[in-house]
Amino acid sequence: MARRKGTSRVTQPGTGSPNRPDPAAPPPGLPSIRQRRPALFWGLIVGMLAMLLPLVAGIIQVLL
């Protein structure tokens, strides 16, 4: 099946729909939790690693 000329959906940069926001612009709304509360974010990361580390260690111990 051949593509007809002039029906491509690809647009040149900067010629998109005027209703669509700029893709490089930050999304509207609240910033991420990493930006709002970095201590809480890193605390959650450390807590998740603390829970996953014994699990992974147990699986390795069972396999060996």
C-alpha atoms as a PDB file:
ATOM      1  CA  MET A   1       0.000   0.000   0.000  1.00  0.00           C
ATOM      2  CA  ALA A   2       1.510   3.314  -1.045  1.00  0.00           C
ATOM      3  CA  ARG A   3       1.282   6.521   0.910  1.00  0.00           C
ATOM      4  CA  ARG A   4      -0.302   9.434  -0.846  1.00  0.00           C
ATOM      5  CA  LYS A   5       1.751  12.580  -1.135  1.00  0.00           C
ATOM      6  CA  GLY A   6       0.808  15.408   1.169  1.00  0.00           C
ATOM      7  CA  THR A   7      -0.833  13.233   3.842  1.00  0.00           C
ATOM      8  CA  SER A   8       2.118  12.844   6.196  1.00  0.00           C
ATOM      9  CA  ARG A   9       1.378  13.763   9.815  1.00  0.00           C
ATOM     10  CA  VAL A  10       4.953  14.805  10.505  1.00  0.00           C
ATOM     11  CA  THR A  11       5.268  18.556  11.105  1.00  0.00           C
ATOM     12  CA  GLN A  12       8.295  20.772  11.144  1.00  0.00           C
ATOM     13  CA  PRO A  13       9.546  22.016  14.546  1.00  0.00           C
ATOM     14  CA  GLY A  14       7.670  25.107  15.659  1.00  0.00           C
ATOM     15  CA  THR A  15       4.773  24.564  13.261  1.00  0.00           C
ATOM     16  CA  GLY A  16       2.584  22.466  15.542  1.00  0.00           C
ATOM     17  CA  SER A  17      -0.940  23.227  16.631  1.00  0.00           C
ATOM     18  CA  PRO A  18      -1.330  26.630  18.305  1.00  0.00           C
ATOM     19  CA  ASN A  19      -3.502  24.994  20.993  1.00  0.00           C
ATOM     20  CA  ARG A  20      -0.802  22.540  22.040  1.00  0.00           C
ATOM     21  CA  PRO A  21       1.636  23.759  24.733  1.00  0.00           C
ATOM     22  CA  ASP A  22       5.360  23.948  24.068  1.00  0.00           C
ATOM     23  CA  PRO A  23       6.874  20.502  24.824  1.00  0.00           C
ATOM     24  CA  ALA A  24       9.949  22.112  26.423  1.00  0.00           C
ATOM     25  CA  ALA A  25       7.830  24.109  28.873  1.00  0.00           C
ATOM     26  CA  PRO A  26       7.358  22.611  32.343  1.00  0.00           C
ATOM     27  CA  PRO A  27       3.939  21.070  32.920  1.00  0.00           C
ATOM     28  CA  PRO A  28       1.479  23.195  34.893  1.00  0.00           C
ATOM     29  CA  GLY A  29       0.590  22.236  38.427  1.00  0.00           C
ATOM     30  CA  LEU A  30       2.536  21.221  41.498  1.00  0.00           C
ATOM     31  CA  PRO A  31       6.233  20.415  41.246  1.00  0.00           C
ATOM     32  CA  SER A  32       7.331  16.875  42.041  1.00  0.00           C
ATOM     33  CA  ILE A  33       7.808  15.686  45.624  1.00  0.00           C
ATOM     34  CA  ARG A  34      11.542  15.599  44.903  1.00  0.00           C
ATOM     35  CA  GLN A  35      11.478  19.375  44.416  1.00  0.00           C
ATOM     36  CA  ARG A  36       8.953  20.219  47.155  1.00  0.00           C
ATOM     37  CA  ARG A  37      10.281  18.016  49.961  1.00  0.00           C
ATOM     38  CA  PRO A  38      13.682  16.523  49.114  1.00  0.00           C
ATOM     39  CA  ALA A  39      14.192  15.086  52.642  1.00  0.00           C
ATOM     40  CA  LEU A  40      10.932  13.131  52.391  1.00  0.00           C
ATOM     41  CA  PHE A  41      11.792  11.924  48.898  1.00  0.00           C
ATOM     42  CA  TRP A  42      15.241  10.655  49.869  1.00  0.00           C
ATOM     43  CA  GLY A  43      13.854   9.173  53.090  1.00  0.00           C
ATOM     44  CA  LEU A  44      11.388   7.148  51.028  1.00  0.00           C
ATOM     45  CA  ILE A  45      14.173   6.032  48.681  1.00  0.00           C
ATOM     46  CA  VAL A  46      16.363   4.886  51.586  1.00  0.00           C
ATOM     47  CA  GLY A  47      13.383   3.148  53.207  1.00  0.00           C
ATOM     48  CA  MET A  48      12.554   1.259  50.016  1.00  0.00           C
ATOM     49  CA  LEU A  49      16.169   0.159  49.638  1.00  0.00           C
ATOM     50  CA  ALA A  50      16.209  -0.945  53.277  1.00  0.00           C
ATOM     51  CA  MET A  51      13.184  -3.164  52.612  1.00  0.00           C
ATOM     52  CA  LEU A  52      14.437  -4.547  49.302  1.00  0.00           C
ATOM     53  CA  LEU A  53      18.003  -5.329  50.364  1.00  0.00           C
ATOM     54  CA  PRO A  54      17.063  -8.150  52.815  1.00  0.00           C
ATOM     55  CA  LEU A  55      14.647  -9.553  50.247  1.00  0.00           C
ATOM     56  CA  VAL A  56      17.323  -9.720  47.558  1.00  0.00           C
ATOM     57  CA  ALA A  57      19.841 -11.122  50.048  1.00  0.00           C
ATOM     58  CA  GLY A  58      17.365 -13.833  51.081  1.00  0.00           C
ATOM     59  CA  ILE A  59      16.665 -14.825  47.490  1.00  0.00           C
ATOM     60  CA  ILE A  60      20.407 -15.056  46.774  1.00  0.00           C
ATOM     61  CA  GLN A  61      20.935 -17.137  49.906  1.00  0.00           C
ATOM     62  CA  VAL A  62      18.174 -19.557  48.916  1.00  0.00           C
ATOM     63  CA  LEU A  63      19.584 -19.938  45.397  1.00  0.00           C
ATOM     64  CA  LEU A  64      23.110 -20.633  46.640  1.00  0.00           C
END
